[in-house]
Amino acid sequence: MIATPSARRRVWHWALLVSWAWRWCGGASPAADAAGVAYSNTLRRAVGGLPVAAEVRTGCSRSAFPHWVDADRDRCDTRAEVLYAEARTKPRVGVGCTLVGGRWYSPYDHRWWTRTSDVDIDHVVALAEAWDSGARRWSTASRRAFANDWGDAGTLAAVTDNVNSAKGDRDPAQWLPPYTAYRCTYITH
């Protein structure tokens, strides 16, 4: 079932995080949401029933997830599409999809930016975490779709560049946004 002590610890970290989010963020039980019925059990029993395997990072690289593609062929790649979509003040789209002007809010650290160079696009579920969780078995097309899924507001987020770098490829059991008022939204997104 659970392969190693570190895998066991990670499951408990996740379980505690979910439990905390459920209690403090007003969320419902994922099982109840999925089945449309109430779910009641001890945390130990609920976590014990989760299928868990060791994470496999072997072979993972960002190049396995082709990202920042121009999926709709409008000359703007995914990064530009997300920047435009999340701009609080819309930028002008210049030649070659250069964004001119605009204003962005980073919910991770509660900061505002007016230069696109200060904003990164975060894969909320880090690409390496997706790999660990099974994306290594996906086709390249599926990994490309995952890495460029800007149609779902919870997949990619425009955030302060150095905060995104600090997050790296860590999951919510290992990293939470520095702006504490956003943490519930982040982990329940």
N, C-alpha and C. Protein backbone atom coordinates (compact mmCIF):
# COMPACT_ATOMS: atom_id res chain seq x y z
N MET A 1 0.84 -1.19 0.00
CA MET A 1 0.00 0.00 0.00
C MET A 1 0.88 1.25 0.00
N ILE A 2 1.36 1.70 1.14
CA ILE A 2 2.21 2.88 1.19
C ILE A 2 3.65 2.38 1.19
N ALA A 3 4.41 2.79 0.19
CA ALA A 3 5.70 2.18 -0.08
C ALA A 3 6.80 2.54 0.93
N THR A 4 6.90 3.78 1.35
CA THR A 4 8.02 4.20 2.19
C THR A 4 7.53 5.09 3.32
N PRO A 5 8.37 5.26 4.36
CA PRO A 5 7.99 6.19 5.43
C PRO A 5 7.80 7.61 4.91
N SER A 6 8.62 8.05 3.92
CA SER A 6 8.44 9.41 3.40
C SER A 6 7.11 9.53 2.66
N ALA A 7 6.69 8.48 1.94
CA ALA A 7 5.38 8.51 1.28
C ALA A 7 4.27 8.57 2.32
N ARG A 8 4.44 7.82 3.41
CA ARG A 8 3.45 7.84 4.48
C ARG A 8 3.34 9.25 5.09
N ARG A 9 4.49 9.89 5.31
CA ARG A 9 4.49 11.26 5.86
C ARG A 9 3.78 12.22 4.91
N ARG A 10 4.05 12.08 3.61
CA ARG A 10 3.43 12.98 2.63
C ARG A 10 1.91 12.81 2.63
N VAL A 11 1.44 11.57 2.74
CA VAL A 11 -0.01 11.34 2.80
C VAL A 11 -0.58 12.01 4.03
N TRP A 12 0.08 11.87 5.16
CA TRP A 12 -0.42 12.51 6.38
C TRP A 12 -0.37 14.02 6.28
N HIS A 13 0.67 14.57 5.64
CA HIS A 13 0.72 16.02 5.44
C HIS A 13 -0.48 16.47 4.61
N TRP A 14 -0.74 15.75 3.50
CA TRP A 14 -1.88 16.07 2.65
C TRP A 14 -3.19 15.94 3.43
N ALA A 15 -3.31 14.86 4.19
CA ALA A 15 -4.55 14.63 4.95
C ALA A 15 -4.78 15.74 5.96
N LEU A 16 -3.73 16.14 6.64
CA LEU A 16 -3.87 17.22 7.61
C LEU A 16 -4.21 18.53 6.92
N LEU A 17 -3.59 18.76 5.75
CA LEU A 17 -3.89 19.96 5.00
C LEU A 17 -5.35 19.98 4.54
N VAL A 18 -5.82 18.86 4.03
CA VAL A 18 -7.23 18.76 3.61
C VAL A 18 -8.15 18.94 4.80
N SER A 19 -7.81 18.31 5.90
CA SER A 19 -8.62 18.43 7.11
C SER A 19 -8.67 19.88 7.58
N TRP A 20 -7.52 20.54 7.56
CA TRP A 20 -7.44 21.94 7.96
C TRP A 20 -8.28 22.80 7.02
N ALA A 21 -8.14 22.57 5.71
CA ALA A 21 -8.90 23.35 4.74
C ALA A 21 -10.39 23.14 4.92
N TRP A 22 -10.79 21.91 5.14
CA TRP A 22 -12.20 21.59 5.32
C TRP A 22 -12.77 22.31 6.53
N ARG A 23 -12.02 22.28 7.60
CA ARG A 23 -12.51 22.89 8.84
C ARG A 23 -12.48 24.41 8.79
N TRP A 24 -11.36 24.99 8.36
CA TRP A 24 -11.17 26.43 8.46
C TRP A 24 -11.58 27.20 7.22
N CYS A 25 -11.64 26.54 6.10
CA CYS A 25 -11.97 27.25 4.86
C CYS A 25 -13.41 27.02 4.43
N GLY A 26 -14.15 26.25 5.20
CA GLY A 26 -15.56 26.06 4.90
C GLY A 26 -15.82 25.11 3.75
N GLY A 27 -14.87 24.24 3.44
CA GLY A 27 -15.05 23.30 2.34
C GLY A 27 -15.89 22.11 2.76
N ALA A 28 -16.34 21.39 1.79
CA ALA A 28 -17.09 20.16 2.04
C ALA A 28 -16.17 18.98 1.81
N SER A 29 -16.56 17.85 2.24
CA SER A 29 -15.81 16.62 2.03
C SER A 29 -15.70 16.32 0.55
N PRO A 30 -14.48 16.05 0.03
CA PRO A 30 -14.36 15.68 -1.38
C PRO A 30 -15.21 14.45 -1.73
N ALA A 31 -15.30 13.50 -0.82
CA ALA A 31 -16.11 12.31 -1.09
C ALA A 31 -17.58 12.69 -1.18
N ALA A 32 -18.02 13.58 -0.31
CA ALA A 32 -19.42 14.01 -0.35
C ALA A 32 -19.71 14.77 -1.64
N ASP A 33 -18.76 15.64 -2.04
CA ASP A 33 -18.95 16.37 -3.29
C ASP A 33 -19.07 15.43 -4.47
N ALA A 34 -18.20 14.42 -4.52
CA ALA A 34 -18.18 13.50 -5.66
C ALA A 34 -19.44 12.65 -5.72
N ALA A 35 -19.90 12.18 -4.58
CA ALA A 35 -21.05 11.28 -4.56
C ALA A 35 -22.38 12.01 -4.40
N GLY A 36 -22.32 13.26 -3.99
CA GLY A 36 -23.54 14.01 -3.77
C GLY A 36 -24.23 13.60 -2.48
N VAL A 37 -23.51 12.95 -1.59
CA VAL A 37 -24.06 12.52 -0.31
C VAL A 37 -23.09 12.91 0.80
N ALA A 38 -23.58 12.87 2.02
CA ALA A 38 -22.74 13.17 3.17
C ALA A 38 -21.74 12.04 3.39
N TYR A 39 -20.58 12.39 3.88
CA TYR A 39 -19.53 11.43 4.15
C TYR A 39 -19.07 11.64 5.58
N SER A 40 -18.96 10.58 6.32
CA SER A 40 -18.51 10.70 7.70
C SER A 40 -17.59 9.53 8.02
N ASN A 41 -16.42 9.85 8.54
CA ASN A 41 -15.46 8.83 8.92
C ASN A 41 -14.35 9.49 9.71
N THR A 42 -13.54 8.72 10.37
CA THR A 42 -12.39 9.29 11.05
C THR A 42 -11.35 9.64 10.00
N LEU A 43 -10.52 10.62 10.29
CA LEU A 43 -9.47 11.00 9.38
C LEU A 43 -8.54 9.81 9.12
N ARG A 44 -8.19 9.08 10.16
CA ARG A 44 -7.29 7.93 10.01
C ARG A 44 -7.88 6.90 9.03
N ARG A 45 -9.16 6.60 9.17
CA ARG A 45 -9.79 5.60 8.30
C ARG A 45 -9.93 6.13 6.87
N ALA A 46 -10.30 7.38 6.74
CA ALA A 46 -10.45 7.96 5.41
C ALA A 46 -9.11 7.98 4.68
N VAL A 47 -8.06 8.41 5.35
CA VAL A 47 -6.74 8.45 4.73
C VAL A 47 -6.24 7.04 4.46
N GLY A 48 -6.50 6.13 5.36
CA GLY A 48 -6.08 4.74 5.18
C GLY A 48 -6.67 4.10 3.94
N GLY A 49 -7.81 4.59 3.49
CA GLY A 49 -8.46 4.03 2.32
C GLY A 49 -7.99 4.63 1.00
N LEU A 50 -7.12 5.63 1.07
CA LEU A 50 -6.64 6.26 -0.16
C LEU A 50 -5.59 5.38 -0.84
N PRO A 51 -5.68 5.23 -2.14
CA PRO A 51 -4.62 4.49 -2.84
C PRO A 51 -3.37 5.37 -2.91
N VAL A 52 -2.25 4.85 -2.44
CA VAL A 52 -1.02 5.63 -2.39
C VAL A 52 0.11 4.80 -2.96
N ALA A 53 0.95 5.45 -3.74
CA ALA A 53 2.14 4.80 -4.28
C ALA A 53 3.30 5.78 -4.15
N ALA A 54 4.49 5.27 -4.20
CA ALA A 54 5.67 6.12 -4.14
C ALA A 54 5.67 7.05 -5.35
N GLU A 55 6.10 8.28 -5.13
CA GLU A 55 6.21 9.21 -6.24
C GLU A 55 7.43 8.83 -7.08
N VAL A 56 7.31 9.03 -8.37
CA VAL A 56 8.40 8.68 -9.28
C VAL A 56 8.81 9.93 -10.05
N ARG A 57 9.93 10.53 -9.67
CA ARG A 57 10.41 11.73 -10.33
C ARG A 57 11.37 11.38 -11.48
N THR A 58 11.81 10.13 -11.55
CA THR A 58 12.75 9.69 -12.57
C THR A 58 12.25 10.04 -13.97
N GLY A 59 13.10 10.68 -14.74
CA GLY A 59 12.75 11.02 -16.12
C GLY A 59 11.98 12.31 -16.27
N CYS A 60 11.67 12.98 -15.17
CA CYS A 60 10.89 14.21 -15.25
C CYS A 60 11.75 15.38 -15.71
N SER A 61 11.24 16.13 -16.65
CA SER A 61 11.86 17.39 -17.06
C SER A 61 10.75 18.29 -17.59
N ARG A 62 10.96 19.59 -17.51
CA ARG A 62 9.95 20.53 -18.00
C ARG A 62 9.70 20.32 -19.50
N SER A 63 10.71 19.86 -20.21
CA SER A 63 10.53 19.66 -21.65
C SER A 63 9.56 18.53 -21.96
N ALA A 64 9.26 17.69 -20.99
CA ALA A 64 8.26 16.64 -21.19
C ALA A 64 6.84 17.23 -21.26
N PHE A 65 6.71 18.49 -20.84
CA PHE A 65 5.43 19.21 -20.85
C PHE A 65 5.58 20.42 -21.78
N PRO A 66 5.38 20.26 -23.08
CA PRO A 66 5.50 21.42 -23.96
C PRO A 66 4.56 22.53 -23.48
N HIS A 67 5.14 23.66 -23.11
CA HIS A 67 4.29 24.72 -22.58
C HIS A 67 4.58 26.05 -23.28
N TRP A 68 3.67 26.96 -23.05
CA TRP A 68 3.62 28.28 -23.66
C TRP A 68 3.48 28.13 -25.18
N VAL A 69 2.51 27.32 -25.56
CA VAL A 69 2.19 27.13 -26.98
C VAL A 69 1.08 28.10 -27.40
N ASP A 70 0.95 28.28 -28.67
CA ASP A 70 -0.13 29.11 -29.23
C ASP A 70 -1.23 28.18 -29.72
N ALA A 71 -2.00 27.66 -28.79
CA ALA A 71 -3.01 26.63 -29.10
C ALA A 71 -4.10 27.13 -30.05
N ASP A 72 -4.50 28.39 -29.91
CA ASP A 72 -5.58 28.89 -30.76
C ASP A 72 -5.07 29.65 -31.99
N ARG A 73 -3.78 29.61 -32.20
CA ARG A 73 -3.12 30.18 -33.38
C ARG A 73 -3.45 31.67 -33.60
N ASP A 74 -3.49 32.41 -32.49
CA ASP A 74 -3.74 33.85 -32.60
C ASP A 74 -2.45 34.66 -32.41
N ARG A 75 -1.31 33.96 -32.43
CA ARG A 75 0.04 34.54 -32.27
C ARG A 75 0.37 34.91 -30.84
N CYS A 76 -0.49 34.51 -29.90
CA CYS A 76 -0.23 34.72 -28.48
C CYS A 76 -0.09 33.36 -27.81
N ASP A 77 1.04 33.14 -27.13
CA ASP A 77 1.23 31.87 -26.44
C ASP A 77 0.45 31.85 -25.13
N THR A 78 0.47 30.72 -24.47
CA THR A 78 -0.32 30.55 -23.24
C THR A 78 0.05 31.57 -22.19
N ARG A 79 1.35 31.88 -22.05
CA ARG A 79 1.77 32.88 -21.06
C ARG A 79 1.08 34.21 -21.32
N ALA A 80 1.10 34.66 -22.57
CA ALA A 80 0.46 35.93 -22.92
C ALA A 80 -1.05 35.86 -22.71
N GLU A 81 -1.65 34.73 -23.05
CA GLU A 81 -3.10 34.56 -22.87
C GLU A 81 -3.49 34.69 -21.39
N VAL A 82 -2.70 34.06 -20.52
CA VAL A 82 -2.99 34.12 -19.08
C VAL A 82 -2.77 35.54 -18.57
N LEU A 83 -1.67 36.16 -18.98
CA LEU A 83 -1.41 37.55 -18.56
C LEU A 83 -2.56 38.46 -18.98
N TYR A 84 -3.02 38.31 -20.20
CA TYR A 84 -4.13 39.15 -20.67
C TYR A 84 -5.41 38.85 -19.88
N ALA A 85 -5.71 37.58 -19.70
CA ALA A 85 -6.95 37.19 -19.01
C ALA A 85 -6.96 37.64 -17.56
N GLU A 86 -5.80 37.61 -16.90
CA GLU A 86 -5.77 37.94 -15.47
C GLU A 86 -5.42 39.39 -15.17
N ALA A 87 -5.18 40.18 -16.21
CA ALA A 87 -4.86 41.60 -15.99
C ALA A 87 -6.06 42.32 -15.38
N ARG A 88 -5.81 43.07 -14.33
CA ARG A 88 -6.87 43.87 -13.71
C ARG A 88 -7.12 45.14 -14.53
N THR A 89 -6.07 45.64 -15.17
CA THR A 89 -6.18 46.69 -16.17
C THR A 89 -5.64 46.06 -17.44
N LYS A 90 -6.47 45.92 -18.45
CA LYS A 90 -6.08 45.19 -19.66
C LYS A 90 -4.95 45.90 -20.40
N PRO A 91 -3.94 45.14 -20.81
CA PRO A 91 -2.88 45.72 -21.62
C PRO A 91 -3.32 45.82 -23.08
N ARG A 92 -2.59 46.61 -23.85
CA ARG A 92 -2.78 46.65 -25.29
C ARG A 92 -1.93 45.53 -25.86
N VAL A 93 -2.46 44.83 -26.86
CA VAL A 93 -1.72 43.74 -27.50
C VAL A 93 -1.02 44.30 -28.72
N GLY A 94 0.32 44.32 -28.66
CA GLY A 94 1.11 44.87 -29.75
C GLY A 94 1.55 43.82 -30.74
N VAL A 95 2.46 44.20 -31.60
CA VAL A 95 3.01 43.31 -32.63
C VAL A 95 3.64 42.10 -31.97
N GLY A 96 3.38 40.93 -32.55
CA GLY A 96 3.95 39.69 -32.00
C GLY A 96 3.41 39.35 -30.63
N CYS A 97 2.23 39.86 -30.31
CA CYS A 97 1.56 39.63 -29.03
C CYS A 97 2.33 40.20 -27.84
N THR A 98 3.07 41.27 -28.07
CA THR A 98 3.73 41.97 -26.98
C THR A 98 2.65 42.71 -26.19
N LEU A 99 2.62 42.51 -24.87
CA LEU A 99 1.63 43.18 -24.04
C LEU A 99 2.20 44.51 -23.56
N VAL A 100 1.46 45.57 -23.83
CA VAL A 100 1.91 46.91 -23.49
C VAL A 100 0.94 47.49 -22.47
N GLY A 101 1.49 47.97 -21.36
CA GLY A 101 0.64 48.48 -20.29
C GLY A 101 0.06 47.32 -19.49
N GLY A 102 -0.97 47.58 -18.77
CA GLY A 102 -1.62 46.54 -17.98
C GLY A 102 -1.20 46.58 -16.52
N ARG A 103 -2.01 45.92 -15.71
CA ARG A 103 -1.75 45.86 -14.27
C ARG A 103 -2.22 44.51 -13.76
N TRP A 104 -1.36 43.84 -12.95
CA TRP A 104 -1.64 42.50 -12.46
C TRP A 104 -1.56 42.45 -10.96
N TYR A 105 -2.44 41.64 -10.40
CA TYR A 105 -2.46 41.40 -8.95
C TYR A 105 -1.98 39.97 -8.71
N SER A 106 -1.03 39.81 -7.79
CA SER A 106 -0.55 38.48 -7.43
C SER A 106 -1.17 38.09 -6.09
N PRO A 107 -2.11 37.15 -6.10
CA PRO A 107 -2.77 36.77 -4.85
C PRO A 107 -1.84 36.02 -3.89
N TYR A 108 -0.75 35.45 -4.40
CA TYR A 108 0.16 34.71 -3.54
C TYR A 108 0.83 35.61 -2.50
N ASP A 109 1.11 36.86 -2.88
CA ASP A 109 1.80 37.77 -1.95
C ASP A 109 1.13 39.14 -1.83
N HIS A 110 -0.06 39.28 -2.41
CA HIS A 110 -0.85 40.52 -2.27
C HIS A 110 -0.09 41.74 -2.82
N ARG A 111 0.51 41.56 -4.00
CA ARG A 111 1.29 42.63 -4.62
C ARG A 111 0.72 42.95 -6.01
N TRP A 112 0.96 44.17 -6.44
CA TRP A 112 0.51 44.64 -7.75
C TRP A 112 1.72 44.88 -8.64
N TRP A 113 1.57 44.60 -9.94
CA TRP A 113 2.66 44.75 -10.89
C TRP A 113 2.17 45.41 -12.17
N THR A 114 3.05 46.18 -12.81
CA THR A 114 2.71 46.82 -14.08
C THR A 114 3.65 46.38 -15.20
N ARG A 115 4.64 45.56 -14.88
CA ARG A 115 5.56 45.04 -15.90
C ARG A 115 5.39 43.53 -15.99
N THR A 116 5.21 43.02 -17.21
CA THR A 116 5.04 41.58 -17.39
C THR A 116 6.27 40.81 -16.93
N SER A 117 7.42 41.44 -16.92
CA SER A 117 8.64 40.76 -16.50
C SER A 117 8.65 40.47 -14.99
N ASP A 118 7.78 41.12 -14.24
CA ASP A 118 7.67 40.87 -12.79
C ASP A 118 6.68 39.77 -12.46
N VAL A 119 6.01 39.24 -13.49
CA VAL A 119 4.94 38.26 -13.28
C VAL A 119 5.30 36.94 -13.99
N ASP A 120 5.21 35.86 -13.23
CA ASP A 120 5.35 34.50 -13.79
C ASP A 120 3.97 33.88 -13.89
N ILE A 121 3.88 32.86 -14.71
CA ILE A 121 2.65 32.06 -14.77
C ILE A 121 2.96 30.77 -14.01
N ASP A 122 2.26 30.58 -12.91
CA ASP A 122 2.46 29.41 -12.07
C ASP A 122 1.56 28.27 -12.53
N HIS A 123 2.15 27.09 -12.67
CA HIS A 123 1.35 25.88 -12.81
C HIS A 123 0.95 25.53 -11.38
N VAL A 124 -0.28 25.80 -11.00
CA VAL A 124 -0.72 25.63 -9.62
C VAL A 124 -0.39 24.22 -9.14
N VAL A 125 -0.67 23.22 -9.93
CA VAL A 125 -0.15 21.87 -9.68
C VAL A 125 1.14 21.81 -10.49
N ALA A 126 2.26 21.84 -9.77
CA ALA A 126 3.57 21.87 -10.43
C ALA A 126 3.70 20.71 -11.41
N LEU A 127 4.38 20.98 -12.51
CA LEU A 127 4.56 19.95 -13.54
C LEU A 127 5.23 18.71 -12.96
N ALA A 128 6.22 18.90 -12.09
CA ALA A 128 6.89 17.74 -11.47
C ALA A 128 5.93 16.96 -10.57
N GLU A 129 5.03 17.64 -9.89
CA GLU A 129 4.04 16.95 -9.06
C GLU A 129 3.08 16.15 -9.93
N ALA A 130 2.70 16.72 -11.07
CA ALA A 130 1.84 15.98 -12.01
C ALA A 130 2.58 14.74 -12.50
N TRP A 131 3.86 14.89 -12.80
CA TRP A 131 4.68 13.76 -13.25
C TRP A 131 4.68 12.68 -12.18
N ASP A 132 4.94 13.08 -10.94
CA ASP A 132 4.98 12.14 -9.81
C ASP A 132 3.66 11.40 -9.66
N SER A 133 2.57 12.08 -9.99
CA SER A 133 1.23 11.52 -9.78
C SER A 133 0.71 10.76 -10.99
N GLY A 134 1.53 10.58 -12.00
CA GLY A 134 1.11 9.75 -13.11
C GLY A 134 1.23 10.35 -14.49
N ALA A 135 1.54 11.65 -14.60
CA ALA A 135 1.63 12.26 -15.92
C ALA A 135 2.75 11.64 -16.77
N ARG A 136 3.67 10.93 -16.11
CA ARG A 136 4.73 10.25 -16.87
C ARG A 136 4.13 9.20 -17.82
N ARG A 137 2.92 8.74 -17.52
CA ARG A 137 2.26 7.75 -18.38
C ARG A 137 1.35 8.41 -19.43
N TRP A 138 1.22 9.72 -19.40
CA TRP A 138 0.38 10.41 -20.37
C TRP A 138 1.12 10.55 -21.70
N SER A 139 0.35 10.79 -22.73
CA SER A 139 0.95 11.11 -24.03
C SER A 139 1.50 12.53 -23.97
N THR A 140 2.39 12.84 -24.91
CA THR A 140 2.92 14.21 -24.99
C THR A 140 1.79 15.20 -25.21
N ALA A 141 0.81 14.84 -26.00
CA ALA A 141 -0.34 15.73 -26.26
C ALA A 141 -1.10 16.01 -24.97
N SER A 142 -1.28 15.01 -24.12
CA SER A 142 -1.97 15.21 -22.85
C SER A 142 -1.16 16.10 -21.92
N ARG A 143 0.16 15.90 -21.89
CA ARG A 143 1.01 16.76 -21.05
C ARG A 143 1.02 18.19 -21.57
N ARG A 144 0.99 18.37 -22.90
CA ARG A 144 0.92 19.71 -23.49
C ARG A 144 -0.40 20.37 -23.08
N ALA A 145 -1.49 19.64 -23.15
CA ALA A 145 -2.80 20.19 -22.78
C ALA A 145 -2.81 20.58 -21.31
N PHE A 146 -2.24 19.76 -20.45
CA PHE A 146 -2.18 20.07 -19.02
C PHE A 146 -1.36 21.33 -18.77
N ALA A 147 -0.20 21.44 -19.40
CA ALA A 147 0.71 22.56 -19.17
C ALA A 147 0.17 23.88 -19.71
N ASN A 148 -0.80 23.83 -20.60
CA ASN A 148 -1.32 25.04 -21.24
C ASN A 148 -2.80 25.25 -21.00
N ASP A 149 -3.35 24.66 -19.96
CA ASP A 149 -4.79 24.71 -19.70
C ASP A 149 -5.19 26.03 -19.06
N TRP A 150 -5.25 27.08 -19.86
CA TRP A 150 -5.62 28.38 -19.31
C TRP A 150 -7.12 28.60 -19.30
N GLY A 151 -7.89 27.64 -19.75
CA GLY A 151 -9.33 27.74 -19.72
C GLY A 151 -9.92 27.53 -18.34
N ASP A 152 -9.16 26.90 -17.45
CA ASP A 152 -9.59 26.65 -16.07
C ASP A 152 -8.83 27.61 -15.16
N ALA A 153 -9.54 28.48 -14.49
CA ALA A 153 -8.90 29.51 -13.66
C ALA A 153 -8.03 28.93 -12.54
N GLY A 154 -8.21 27.67 -12.19
CA GLY A 154 -7.43 27.09 -11.11
C GLY A 154 -6.17 26.39 -11.56
N THR A 155 -5.87 26.39 -12.84
CA THR A 155 -4.73 25.65 -13.36
C THR A 155 -3.47 26.50 -13.48
N LEU A 156 -3.60 27.67 -14.06
CA LEU A 156 -2.48 28.59 -14.25
C LEU A 156 -2.81 29.91 -13.57
N ALA A 157 -1.80 30.51 -12.94
CA ALA A 157 -2.05 31.76 -12.23
C ALA A 157 -0.90 32.74 -12.45
N ALA A 158 -1.24 33.99 -12.73
CA ALA A 158 -0.24 35.05 -12.86
C ALA A 158 0.14 35.51 -11.45
N VAL A 159 1.41 35.32 -11.11
CA VAL A 159 1.88 35.63 -9.75
C VAL A 159 3.26 36.29 -9.79
N THR A 160 3.66 36.87 -8.69
CA THR A 160 4.97 37.49 -8.58
C THR A 160 6.05 36.46 -8.92
N ASP A 161 6.99 36.87 -9.77
CA ASP A 161 8.00 35.93 -10.28
C ASP A 161 8.83 35.27 -9.19
N ASN A 162 9.33 36.02 -8.23
CA ASN A 162 10.19 35.39 -7.21
C ASN A 162 9.40 34.52 -6.24
N VAL A 163 8.12 34.79 -6.07
CA VAL A 163 7.28 33.92 -5.23
C VAL A 163 7.05 32.59 -5.94
N ASN A 164 6.83 32.65 -7.24
CA ASN A 164 6.68 31.43 -8.01
C ASN A 164 7.97 30.61 -7.98
N SER A 165 9.11 31.29 -8.07
CA SER A 165 10.39 30.59 -7.99
C SER A 165 10.57 29.93 -6.63
N ALA A 166 10.14 30.61 -5.58
CA ALA A 166 10.25 30.05 -4.22
C ALA A 166 9.38 28.80 -4.08
N LYS A 167 8.23 28.79 -4.74
CA LYS A 167 7.36 27.62 -4.70
C LYS A 167 8.02 26.45 -5.41
N GLY A 168 8.60 26.72 -6.57
CA GLY A 168 9.25 25.66 -7.34
C GLY A 168 8.28 24.55 -7.68
N ASP A 169 8.70 23.31 -7.45
CA ASP A 169 7.85 22.16 -7.79
C ASP A 169 7.24 21.52 -6.55
N ARG A 170 7.06 22.32 -5.52
CA ARG A 170 6.51 21.79 -4.27
C ARG A 170 4.98 21.80 -4.28
N ASP A 171 4.41 20.89 -3.49
CA ASP A 171 2.96 20.81 -3.37
C ASP A 171 2.50 21.56 -2.11
N PRO A 172 1.19 21.68 -1.89
CA PRO A 172 0.70 22.44 -0.74
C PRO A 172 1.11 21.89 0.63
N ALA A 173 1.51 20.64 0.70
CA ALA A 173 2.01 20.10 1.97
C ALA A 173 3.40 20.66 2.28
N GLN A 174 4.07 21.19 1.25
CA GLN A 174 5.43 21.70 1.40
C GLN A 174 5.54 23.21 1.25
N TRP A 175 4.55 23.84 0.63
CA TRP A 175 4.61 25.27 0.36
C TRP A 175 3.21 25.86 0.33
N LEU A 176 3.06 27.01 0.95
CA LEU A 176 1.82 27.78 0.86
C LEU A 176 2.17 29.23 0.55
N PRO A 177 1.27 29.96 -0.09
CA PRO A 177 1.56 31.36 -0.41
C PRO A 177 1.88 32.16 0.85
N PRO A 178 2.80 33.11 0.74
CA PRO A 178 3.15 33.93 1.91
C PRO A 178 1.99 34.80 2.40
N TYR A 179 1.06 35.16 1.52
CA TYR A 179 -0.09 35.97 1.93
C TYR A 179 -1.11 35.03 2.56
N THR A 180 -1.19 35.04 3.87
CA THR A 180 -1.99 34.06 4.60
C THR A 180 -3.48 34.14 4.28
N ALA A 181 -3.99 35.31 3.93
CA ALA A 181 -5.42 35.43 3.63
C ALA A 181 -5.80 34.69 2.35
N TYR A 182 -4.81 34.31 1.53
CA TYR A 182 -5.09 33.61 0.28
C TYR A 182 -4.94 32.09 0.42
N ARG A 183 -4.41 31.61 1.51
CA ARG A 183 -4.10 30.20 1.65
C ARG A 183 -5.31 29.28 1.50
N CYS A 184 -6.43 29.64 2.07
CA CYS A 184 -7.63 28.80 1.93
C CYS A 184 -8.03 28.67 0.47
N THR A 185 -8.01 29.78 -0.25
CA THR A 185 -8.34 29.75 -1.67
C THR A 185 -7.35 28.88 -2.42
N TYR A 186 -6.08 29.02 -2.11
CA TYR A 186 -5.04 28.26 -2.80
C TYR A 186 -5.23 26.76 -2.63
N ILE A 187 -5.45 26.31 -1.42
CA ILE A 187 -5.52 24.86 -1.20
C ILE A 187 -6.87 24.26 -1.54
N THR A 188 -7.88 25.08 -1.70
CA THR A 188 -9.19 24.53 -2.07
C THR A 188 -9.52 24.77 -3.53
N HIS A 189 -8.65 25.42 -4.26
CA HIS A 189 -8.86 25.76 -5.66
C HIS A 189 -8.92 24.53 -6.51
